[in-house]
Amino acid sequence: MTMFKALAGLLAGVIMIGGASVARADAPLTIGVTAGPVALLLEQVAVRAKAKGIEVTLVEFSDWVTPNSAVAAGDLDANFFQHVTFLEQQNKARGSNLVPAAPGGIIGPVGLFSKKYKKVEDVKSGETVSIPNDPVNGARGLILLEKAGLVKLTPGKGIAVTAQDIVENPRKLKIVELESGQIYRSLDDVGLASVNFTSLVLGGGDPKSALVADLTTDEKFVFRFVTRPDRKDNPKLHAFIKEFKTPETRAFIETKLPAFIPAW
């Protein structure tokens, strides 16, 4: 289902009052997800939720901007694809005030991947490295490069670090910033790339092939259900989140999506 077809299908469950969209009480819960493993994860939760009387429509997106715009506009009840650090950056950049609906979710690790090298030690001088162009995930990519011993960064900046904070680059690596959705595909053209495991699995990659991985379970990197403040207490949403945070979901992740880390 494309984003546009899915959103068009939602119009049947919405009425317009004074220019604002108001969902019918019997309308399905609508949740935006990124295509691939995140969508697959929530699909199996939606099946179980339906058996308990909770109708859910999942709307797939191929980027990391539109899902927040759709929630902010009221076209979706919530989305599930991002950690709170990314959300905070997006709220600031776009003037929105979206909020996590509840604690807990999953962690999608990131790693350095390559089609040219099997070991970090083999990376040649002057090699090109692609990292995401959003501040949070770009910073995670730079931190991975430092963890791999390829660069040194300005101490103490943490997740606020940028490419301008590279203070030592002995191999003269060339850092290029790309849209997150393009990072995995860039592996055909660059020596190294910082790829989140969600995109990696969607592209058919193997998380075990990471040269270096960030498997942190830090709370600020937990993917959360995100919504508008006026929908934070939506009982349907909280019933779905309750169904999400069950042993059945944990077992599904461990057997079908081991790239993710349950965080509840």
C-alpha atoms as a PDB file:
ATOM      1  CA  MET A   1       0.000   0.000   0.000  1.00  0.00           C
ATOM      2  CA  THR A   2       1.475   3.355  -1.007  1.00  0.00           C
ATOM      3  CA  MET A   3       1.385   6.315   1.320  1.00  0.00           C
ATOM      4  CA  PHE A   4      -1.060   8.167  -0.906  1.00  0.00           C
ATOM      5  CA  LYS A   5      -3.465   5.264  -1.338  1.00  0.00           C
ATOM      6  CA  ALA A   6      -3.423   4.578   2.366  1.00  0.00           C
ATOM      7  CA  LEU A   7      -4.068   8.198   3.295  1.00  0.00           C
ATOM      8  CA  ALA A   8      -6.861   8.422   0.741  1.00  0.00           C
ATOM      9  CA  GLY A   9      -8.452   5.367   2.292  1.00  0.00           C
ATOM     10  CA  LEU A  10      -8.466   7.063   5.668  1.00  0.00           C
ATOM     11  CA  LEU A  11     -10.738   9.860   4.478  1.00  0.00           C
ATOM     12  CA  ALA A  12     -13.756   7.598   4.870  1.00  0.00           C
ATOM     13  CA  GLY A  13     -13.144   7.571   8.617  1.00  0.00           C
ATOM     14  CA  VAL A  14     -12.754  11.349   9.040  1.00  0.00           C
ATOM     15  CA  ILE A  15     -15.237  14.236   9.121  1.00  0.00           C
ATOM     16  CA  MET A  16     -14.344  17.913   8.812  1.00  0.00           C
ATOM     17  CA  ILE A  17     -15.442  20.402  11.467  1.00  0.00           C
ATOM     18  CA  GLY A  18     -14.265  24.003  11.165  1.00  0.00           C
ATOM     19  CA  GLY A  19     -11.336  22.947   9.001  1.00  0.00           C
ATOM     20  CA  ALA A  20      -9.992  20.444  11.541  1.00  0.00           C
ATOM     21  CA  SER A  21     -10.061  16.702  11.030  1.00  0.00           C
ATOM     22  CA  VAL A  22     -11.915  14.703  13.660  1.00  0.00           C
ATOM     23  CA  ALA A  23     -11.820  10.903  13.549  1.00  0.00           C
ATOM     24  CA  ARG A  24     -15.055   8.991  14.088  1.00  0.00           C
ATOM     25  CA  ALA A  25     -15.206   7.064  17.322  1.00  0.00           C
ATOM     26  CA  ASP A  26     -15.487   3.812  15.358  1.00  0.00           C
ATOM     27  CA  ALA A  27     -12.717   4.682  12.888  1.00  0.00           C
ATOM     28  CA  PRO A  28      -9.593   2.476  12.903  1.00  0.00           C
ATOM     29  CA  LEU A  29      -6.513   3.604  14.783  1.00  0.00           C
ATOM     30  CA  THR A  30      -4.085   4.929  12.147  1.00  0.00           C
ATOM     31  CA  ILE A  31      -0.339   4.527  12.640  1.00  0.00           C
ATOM     32  CA  GLY A  32       2.441   5.573  10.267  1.00  0.00           C
ATOM     33  CA  VAL A  33       5.442   3.262   9.913  1.00  0.00           C
ATOM     34  CA  THR A  34       8.524   3.042   7.753  1.00  0.00           C
ATOM     35  CA  ALA A  35       8.415   0.301   5.134  1.00  0.00           C
ATOM     36  CA  GLY A  36      10.255  -2.923   5.849  1.00  0.00           C
ATOM     37  CA  PRO A  37      10.974  -4.495   9.236  1.00  0.00           C
ATOM     38  CA  VAL A  38       9.184  -1.835  11.306  1.00  0.00           C
ATOM     39  CA  ALA A  39       6.026  -2.313   9.247  1.00  0.00           C
ATOM     40  CA  LEU A  40       6.419  -6.093   9.507  1.00  0.00           C
ATOM     41  CA  LEU A  41       6.710  -5.847  13.280  1.00  0.00           C
ATOM     42  CA  LEU A  42       3.571  -3.761  13.703  1.00  0.00           C
ATOM     43  CA  GLU A  43       1.607  -5.870  11.225  1.00  0.00           C
ATOM     44  CA  GLN A  44       1.788  -8.879  13.519  1.00  0.00           C
ATOM     45  CA  VAL A  45       0.770  -6.720  16.498  1.00  0.00           C
ATOM     46  CA  ALA A  46      -2.174  -5.364  14.494  1.00  0.00           C
ATOM     47  CA  VAL A  47      -3.389  -8.905  13.794  1.00  0.00           C
ATOM     48  CA  ARG A  48      -3.433  -9.715  17.499  1.00  0.00           C
ATOM     49  CA  ALA A  49      -5.016  -6.361  18.328  1.00  0.00           C
ATOM     50  CA  LYS A  50      -7.809  -6.965  15.813  1.00  0.00           C
ATOM     51  CA  ALA A  51      -8.652 -10.226  17.553  1.00  0.00           C
ATOM     52  CA  LYS A  52      -9.237  -8.131  20.671  1.00  0.00           C
ATOM     53  CA  GLY A  53     -11.474  -5.625  18.887  1.00  0.00           C
ATOM     54  CA  ILE A  54      -8.846  -2.959  18.074  1.00  0.00           C
ATOM     55  CA  GLU A  55      -8.939  -2.074  14.380  1.00  0.00           C
ATOM     56  CA  VAL A  56      -5.635  -0.643  13.141  1.00  0.00           C
ATOM     57  CA  THR A  57      -4.630   0.782   9.763  1.00  0.00           C
ATOM     58  CA  LEU A  58      -0.878   0.935   9.127  1.00  0.00           C
ATOM     59  CA  VAL A  59       0.350   3.535   6.633  1.00  0.00           C
ATOM     60  CA  GLU A  60       3.810   2.906   5.168  1.00  0.00           C
ATOM     61  CA  PHE A  61       6.276   5.675   4.360  1.00  0.00           C
ATOM     62  CA  SER A  62       9.642   5.639   2.619  1.00  0.00           C
ATOM     63  CA  ASP A  63      11.104   8.705   4.329  1.00  0.00           C
ATOM     64  CA  TRP A  64      11.603  10.045   7.866  1.00  0.00           C
ATOM     65  CA  VAL A  65       9.875  13.414   7.459  1.00  0.00           C
ATOM     66  CA  THR A  66       6.377  12.757   6.096  1.00  0.00           C
ATOM     67  CA  PRO A  67       5.284  10.455   8.965  1.00  0.00           C
ATOM     68  CA  ASN A  68       5.693  13.329  11.430  1.00  0.00           C
ATOM     69  CA  SER A  69       4.007  15.814   9.105  1.00  0.00           C
ATOM     70  CA  ALA A  70       1.022  13.465   8.770  1.00  0.00           C
ATOM     71  CA  VAL A  71       0.676  13.099  12.548  1.00  0.00           C
ATOM     72  CA  ALA A  72       1.081  16.844  13.125  1.00  0.00           C
ATOM     73  CA  ALA A  73      -1.654  17.539  10.554  1.00  0.00           C
ATOM     74  CA  GLY A  74      -3.998  15.081  12.259  1.00  0.00           C
ATOM     75  CA  ASP A  75      -4.071  12.704   9.277  1.00  0.00           C
ATOM     76  CA  LEU A  76      -2.659   9.918  11.454  1.00  0.00           C
ATOM     77  CA  ASP A  77      -3.176   9.116  15.120  1.00  0.00           C
ATOM     78  CA  ALA A  78       0.470   8.222  15.689  1.00  0.00           C
ATOM     79  CA  ASN A  79       3.646   6.954  14.076  1.00  0.00           C
ATOM     80  CA  PHE A  80       6.337   4.489  15.042  1.00  0.00           C
ATOM     81  CA  PHE A  81       9.772   4.772  13.457  1.00  0.00           C
ATOM     82  CA  GLN A  82      11.938   7.183  15.463  1.00  0.00           C
ATOM     83  CA  HIS A  83      13.773   7.584  18.736  1.00  0.00           C
ATOM     84  CA  VAL A  84      13.132  10.562  20.984  1.00  0.00           C
ATOM     85  CA  THR A  85      16.440  12.250  20.148  1.00  0.00           C
ATOM     86  CA  PHE A  86      15.480  12.374  16.466  1.00  0.00           C
ATOM     87  CA  LEU A  87      11.969  13.524  17.408  1.00  0.00           C
ATOM     88  CA  GLU A  88      13.323  16.421  19.460  1.00  0.00           C
ATOM     89  CA  GLN A  89      15.492  17.541  16.562  1.00  0.00           C
ATOM     90  CA  GLN A  90      12.571  17.321  14.118  1.00  0.00           C
ATOM     91  CA  ASN A  91      10.257  19.256  16.441  1.00  0.00           C
ATOM     92  CA  LYS A  92      12.829  22.028  16.669  1.00  0.00           C
ATOM     93  CA  ALA A  93      13.543  22.085  12.943  1.00  0.00           C
ATOM     94  CA  ARG A  94       9.894  22.022  11.843  1.00  0.00           C
ATOM     95  CA  GLY A  95       8.136  23.889  14.617  1.00  0.00           C
ATOM     96  CA  SER A  96       6.046  20.917  15.691  1.00  0.00           C
ATOM     97  CA  ASN A  97       5.325  19.655  19.203  1.00  0.00           C
ATOM     98  CA  LEU A  98       4.851  15.921  18.782  1.00  0.00           C
ATOM     99  CA  VAL A  99       5.346  13.789  21.882  1.00  0.00           C
ATOM    100  CA  PRO A 100       5.979  10.142  22.805  1.00  0.00           C
ATOM    101  CA  ALA A 101       2.728   8.468  23.804  1.00  0.00           C
ATOM    102  CA  ALA A 102       4.279   6.040  26.296  1.00  0.00           C
ATOM    103  CA  PRO A 103       7.614   4.639  27.447  1.00  0.00           C
ATOM    104  CA  GLY A 104       9.172   1.622  25.788  1.00  0.00           C
ATOM    105  CA  GLY A 105       9.591   0.411  22.229  1.00  0.00           C
ATOM    106  CA  ILE A 106      12.506  -1.031  20.303  1.00  0.00           C
ATOM    107  CA  ILE A 107      16.078  -0.038  19.590  1.00  0.00           C
ATOM    108  CA  GLY A 108      17.312  -0.054  15.997  1.00  0.00           C
ATOM    109  CA  PRO A 109      21.116  -0.231  16.151  1.00  0.00           C
ATOM    110  CA  VAL A 110      23.441   1.408  13.630  1.00  0.00           C
ATOM    111  CA  GLY A 111      26.682   0.116  12.177  1.00  0.00           C
ATOM    112  CA  LEU A 112      29.517   0.770   9.755  1.00  0.00           C
ATOM    113  CA  PHE A 113      29.109  -1.388   6.659  1.00  0.00           C
ATOM    114  CA  SER A 114      31.155  -1.873   3.524  1.00  0.00           C
ATOM    115  CA  LYS A 115      31.096  -3.840   0.300  1.00  0.00           C
ATOM    116  CA  LYS A 116      34.797  -3.198  -0.225  1.00  0.00           C
ATOM    117  CA  TYR A 117      36.330  -4.018   3.141  1.00  0.00           C
ATOM    118  CA  LYS A 118      36.075  -6.877   5.594  1.00  0.00           C
ATOM    119  CA  LYS A 119      38.056  -5.136   8.331  1.00  0.00           C
ATOM    120  CA  VAL A 120      38.377  -1.528   9.484  1.00  0.00           C
ATOM    121  CA  GLU A 121      42.156  -1.885   9.354  1.00  0.00           C
ATOM    122  CA  ASP A 122      42.008  -2.313   5.569  1.00  0.00           C
ATOM    123  CA  VAL A 123      40.263   1.007   4.850  1.00  0.00           C
ATOM    124  CA  LYS A 124      42.444   2.959   2.429  1.00  0.00           C
ATOM    125  CA  SER A 125      43.551   6.573   2.674  1.00  0.00           C
ATOM    126  CA  GLY A 126      41.196   9.009   0.926  1.00  0.00           C
ATOM    127  CA  GLU A 127      38.215   6.647   1.120  1.00  0.00           C
ATOM    128  CA  THR A 128      34.682   8.094   1.008  1.00  0.00           C
ATOM    129  CA  VAL A 129      32.322   7.529   3.936  1.00  0.00           C
ATOM    130  CA  SER A 130      28.582   8.267   3.820  1.00  0.00           C
ATOM    131  CA  ILE A 131      26.636   9.244   6.930  1.00  0.00           C
ATOM    132  CA  PRO A 132      23.010  10.426   7.376  1.00  0.00           C
ATOM    133  CA  ASN A 133      22.424  14.132   6.854  1.00  0.00           C
ATOM    134  CA  ASP A 134      20.137  14.581   9.860  1.00  0.00           C
ATOM    135  CA  PRO A 135      22.050  15.819  12.932  1.00  0.00           C
ATOM    136  CA  VAL A 136      21.285  12.951  15.296  1.00  0.00           C
ATOM    137  CA  ASN A 137      22.008  10.003  13.026  1.00  0.00           C
ATOM    138  CA  GLY A 138      24.886  11.816  11.386  1.00  0.00           C
ATOM    139  CA  ALA A 139      26.429  12.212  14.824  1.00  0.00           C
ATOM    140  CA  ARG A 140      25.967   8.508  15.508  1.00  0.00           C
ATOM    141  CA  GLY A 141      27.836   7.769  12.285  1.00  0.00           C
ATOM    142  CA  LEU A 142      30.747  10.002  13.290  1.00  0.00           C
ATOM    143  CA  ILE A 143      30.869   8.400  16.730  1.00  0.00           C
ATOM    144  CA  LEU A 144      31.070   4.998  15.031  1.00  0.00           C
ATOM    145  CA  LEU A 145      34.026   6.217  12.967  1.00  0.00           C
ATOM    146  CA  GLU A 146      35.751   7.277  16.169  1.00  0.00           C
ATOM    147  CA  LYS A 147      34.895   3.958  17.803  1.00  0.00           C
ATOM    148  CA  ALA A 148      36.512   2.227  14.822  1.00  0.00           C
ATOM    149  CA  GLY A 149      39.689   4.269  15.351  1.00  0.00           C
ATOM    150  CA  LEU A 150      39.387   6.032  12.001  1.00  0.00           C
ATOM    151  CA  VAL A 151      38.928   9.598  13.300  1.00  0.00           C
ATOM    152  CA  LYS A 152      39.054  11.585  16.514  1.00  0.00           C
ATOM    153  CA  LEU A 153      36.307  14.033  17.454  1.00  0.00           C
ATOM    154  CA  THR A 154      36.094  17.086  19.664  1.00  0.00           C
ATOM    155  CA  PRO A 155      35.704  15.628  23.167  1.00  0.00           C
ATOM    156  CA  GLY A 156      32.533  16.117  25.176  1.00  0.00           C
ATOM    157  CA  LYS A 157      30.057  17.002  22.411  1.00  0.00           C
ATOM    158  CA  GLY A 158      28.264  13.677  22.412  1.00  0.00           C
ATOM    159  CA  ILE A 159      25.305  13.458  20.038  1.00  0.00           C
ATOM    160  CA  ALA A 160      25.796  17.133  19.059  1.00  0.00           C
ATOM    161  CA  VAL A 161      29.009  16.335  17.201  1.00  0.00           C
ATOM    162  CA  THR A 162      29.266  17.233  13.480  1.00  0.00           C
ATOM    163  CA  ALA A 163      31.769  16.639  10.705  1.00  0.00           C
ATOM    164  CA  GLN A 164      33.367  19.960  11.637  1.00  0.00           C
ATOM    165  CA  ASP A 165      34.320  18.345  14.961  1.00  0.00           C
ATOM    166  CA  ILE A 166      36.729  15.900  13.337  1.00  0.00           C
ATOM    167  CA  VAL A 167      40.055  16.940  14.869  1.00  0.00           C
ATOM    168  CA  GLU A 168      42.115  14.026  13.579  1.00  0.00           C
ATOM    169  CA  ASN A 169      41.606  12.250  10.264  1.00  0.00           C
ATOM    170  CA  PRO A 170      44.832  10.363   9.559  1.00  0.00           C
ATOM    171  CA  ARG A 171      43.402   8.479   6.566  1.00  0.00           C
ATOM    172  CA  LYS A 172      41.958  11.667   5.069  1.00  0.00           C
ATOM    173  CA  LEU A 173      38.495  10.142   4.837  1.00  0.00           C
ATOM    174  CA  LYS A 174      35.962  12.098   2.783  1.00  0.00           C
ATOM    175  CA  ILE A 175      32.664  12.450   4.653  1.00  0.00           C
ATOM    176  CA  VAL A 176      29.515  12.809   2.539  1.00  0.00           C
ATOM    177  CA  GLU A 177      26.081  13.404   4.053  1.00  0.00           C
ATOM    178  CA  LEU A 178      23.061  11.780   2.419  1.00  0.00           C
ATOM    179  CA  GLU A 179      19.371  11.300   3.113  1.00  0.00           C
ATOM    180  CA  SER A 180      18.968   8.325   5.422  1.00  0.00           C
ATOM    181  CA  GLY A 181      16.973   6.445   2.797  1.00  0.00           C
ATOM    182  CA  GLN A 182      19.917   6.648   0.389  1.00  0.00           C
ATOM    183  CA  ILE A 183      22.624   5.479   2.781  1.00  0.00           C
ATOM    184  CA  TYR A 184      22.300   1.732   2.219  1.00  0.00           C
ATOM    185  CA  ARG A 185      22.228   2.168  -1.578  1.00  0.00           C
ATOM    186  CA  SER A 186      25.346   4.332  -1.355  1.00  0.00           C
ATOM    187  CA  LEU A 187      27.395   1.259  -0.381  1.00  0.00           C
ATOM    188  CA  ASP A 188      27.851   0.589  -4.102  1.00  0.00           C
ATOM    189  CA  ASP A 189      29.693   3.901  -4.463  1.00  0.00           C
ATOM    190  CA  VAL A 190      31.514   4.517  -1.167  1.00  0.00           C
ATOM    191  CA  GLY A 191      34.005   2.631   0.938  1.00  0.00           C
ATOM    192  CA  LEU A 192      32.048   2.824   4.193  1.00  0.00           C
ATOM    193  CA  ALA A 193      28.582   3.866   5.264  1.00  0.00           C
ATOM    194  CA  SER A 194      26.862   4.355   8.601  1.00  0.00           C
ATOM    195  CA  VAL A 195      23.594   2.469   8.147  1.00  0.00           C
ATOM    196  CA  ASN A 196      20.754   1.970  10.603  1.00  0.00           C
ATOM    197  CA  PHE A 197      19.745  -1.660  10.836  1.00  0.00           C
ATOM    198  CA  THR A 198      16.170  -0.864   9.785  1.00  0.00           C
ATOM    199  CA  SER A 199      17.308   0.349   6.354  1.00  0.00           C
ATOM    200  CA  LEU A 200      19.903  -2.397   6.161  1.00  0.00           C
ATOM    201  CA  VAL A 201      17.373  -5.202   6.638  1.00  0.00           C
ATOM    202  CA  LEU A 202      14.941  -3.523   4.229  1.00  0.00           C
ATOM    203  CA  GLY A 203      17.702  -3.488   1.594  1.00  0.00           C
ATOM    204  CA  GLY A 204      18.557  -7.147   2.155  1.00  0.00           C
ATOM    205  CA  GLY A 205      21.730  -6.545   4.165  1.00  0.00           C
ATOM    206  CA  ASP A 206      23.024  -8.667   7.017  1.00  0.00           C
ATOM    207  CA  PRO A 207      23.445  -6.894  10.390  1.00  0.00           C
ATOM    208  CA  LYS A 208      26.135  -9.427  11.301  1.00  0.00           C
ATOM    209  CA  SER A 209      28.350  -7.985   8.541  1.00  0.00           C
ATOM    210  CA  ALA A 210      28.873  -4.706  10.419  1.00  0.00           C
ATOM    211  CA  LEU A 211      32.538  -3.738  10.758  1.00  0.00           C
ATOM    212  CA  VAL A 212      31.582  -1.826  13.904  1.00  0.00           C
ATOM    213  CA  ALA A 213      28.128  -1.605  15.502  1.00  0.00           C
ATOM    214  CA  ASP A 214      26.444   0.597  18.080  1.00  0.00           C
ATOM    215  CA  LEU A 215      24.210  -1.725  20.080  1.00  0.00           C
ATOM    216  CA  THR A 216      23.581   0.751  22.881  1.00  0.00           C
ATOM    217  CA  THR A 217      20.371   0.365  24.854  1.00  0.00           C
ATOM    218  CA  ASP A 218      20.356   4.044  25.802  1.00  0.00           C
ATOM    219  CA  GLU A 219      16.809   5.286  26.417  1.00  0.00           C
ATOM    220  CA  LYS A 220      17.303   8.216  24.047  1.00  0.00           C
ATOM    221  CA  PHE A 221      17.605   5.787  21.109  1.00  0.00           C
ATOM    222  CA  VAL A 222      14.438   3.795  21.789  1.00  0.00           C
ATOM    223  CA  PHE A 223      11.871   3.941  18.967  1.00  0.00           C
ATOM    224  CA  ARG A 224       8.632   5.212  20.492  1.00  0.00           C
ATOM    225  CA  PHE A 225       4.998   5.658  19.475  1.00  0.00           C
ATOM    226  CA  VAL A 226       4.700   9.374  18.688  1.00  0.00           C
ATOM    227  CA  THR A 227       1.534  11.456  18.563  1.00  0.00           C
ATOM    228  CA  ARG A 228       0.096  14.931  19.062  1.00  0.00           C
ATOM    229  CA  PRO A 229      -0.346  16.189  22.636  1.00  0.00           C
ATOM    230  CA  ASP A 230      -4.134  16.199  22.222  1.00  0.00           C
ATOM    231  CA  ARG A 231      -4.100  12.520  21.247  1.00  0.00           C
ATOM    232  CA  LYS A 232      -1.580  11.314  23.803  1.00  0.00           C
ATOM    233  CA  ASP A 233      -4.295   9.771  25.980  1.00  0.00           C
ATOM    234  CA  ASN A 234      -6.136   8.067  23.098  1.00  0.00           C
ATOM    235  CA  PRO A 235      -7.419   4.814  24.685  1.00  0.00           C
ATOM    236  CA  LYS A 236      -7.180   2.919  21.377  1.00  0.00           C
ATOM    237  CA  LEU A 237      -3.546   3.911  21.007  1.00  0.00           C
ATOM    238  CA  HIS A 238      -2.696   2.839  24.536  1.00  0.00           C
ATOM    239  CA  ALA A 239      -4.528  -0.455  24.061  1.00  0.00           C
ATOM    240  CA  PHE A 240      -2.423  -1.075  20.955  1.00  0.00           C
ATOM    241  CA  ILE A 241       0.804  -0.155  22.765  1.00  0.00           C
ATOM    242  CA  LYS A 242      -0.152  -2.567  25.521  1.00  0.00           C
ATOM    243  CA  GLU A 243      -0.542  -5.298  22.905  1.00  0.00           C
ATOM    244  CA  PHE A 244       2.806  -4.286  21.420  1.00  0.00           C
ATOM    245  CA  LYS A 245       4.624  -4.682  24.735  1.00  0.00           C
ATOM    246  CA  THR A 246       3.880  -8.372  25.192  1.00  0.00           C
ATOM    247  CA  PRO A 247       5.925 -11.579  25.261  1.00  0.00           C
ATOM    248  CA  GLU A 248       4.490 -12.422  21.825  1.00  0.00           C
ATOM    249  CA  THR A 249       6.067  -9.313  20.303  1.00  0.00           C
ATOM    250  CA  ARG A 250       9.356  -9.963  22.066  1.00  0.00           C
ATOM    251  CA  ALA A 251       9.404 -13.526  20.706  1.00  0.00           C
ATOM    252  CA  PHE A 252       8.630 -12.270  17.185  1.00  0.00           C
ATOM    253  CA  ILE A 253      11.546  -9.830  17.355  1.00  0.00           C
ATOM    254  CA  GLU A 254      13.948 -12.460  18.647  1.00  0.00           C
ATOM    255  CA  THR A 255      13.009 -15.015  15.975  1.00  0.00           C
ATOM    256  CA  LYS A 256      12.111 -12.891  12.936  1.00  0.00           C
ATOM    257  CA  LEU A 257      13.766  -9.478  13.442  1.00  0.00           C
ATOM    258  CA  PRO A 258      16.897 -10.048  15.536  1.00  0.00           C
ATOM    259  CA  ALA A 259      18.359  -6.762  14.279  1.00  0.00           C
ATOM    260  CA  PHE A 260      16.032  -5.029  16.765  1.00  0.00           C
ATOM    261  CA  ILE A 261      16.398  -4.923  20.543  1.00  0.00           C
ATOM    262  CA  PRO A 262      13.185  -4.979  22.618  1.00  0.00           C
ATOM    263  CA  ALA A 263      13.152  -2.072  25.078  1.00  0.00           C
ATOM    264  CA  TRP A 264      10.334  -2.533  27.567  1.00  0.00           C
END
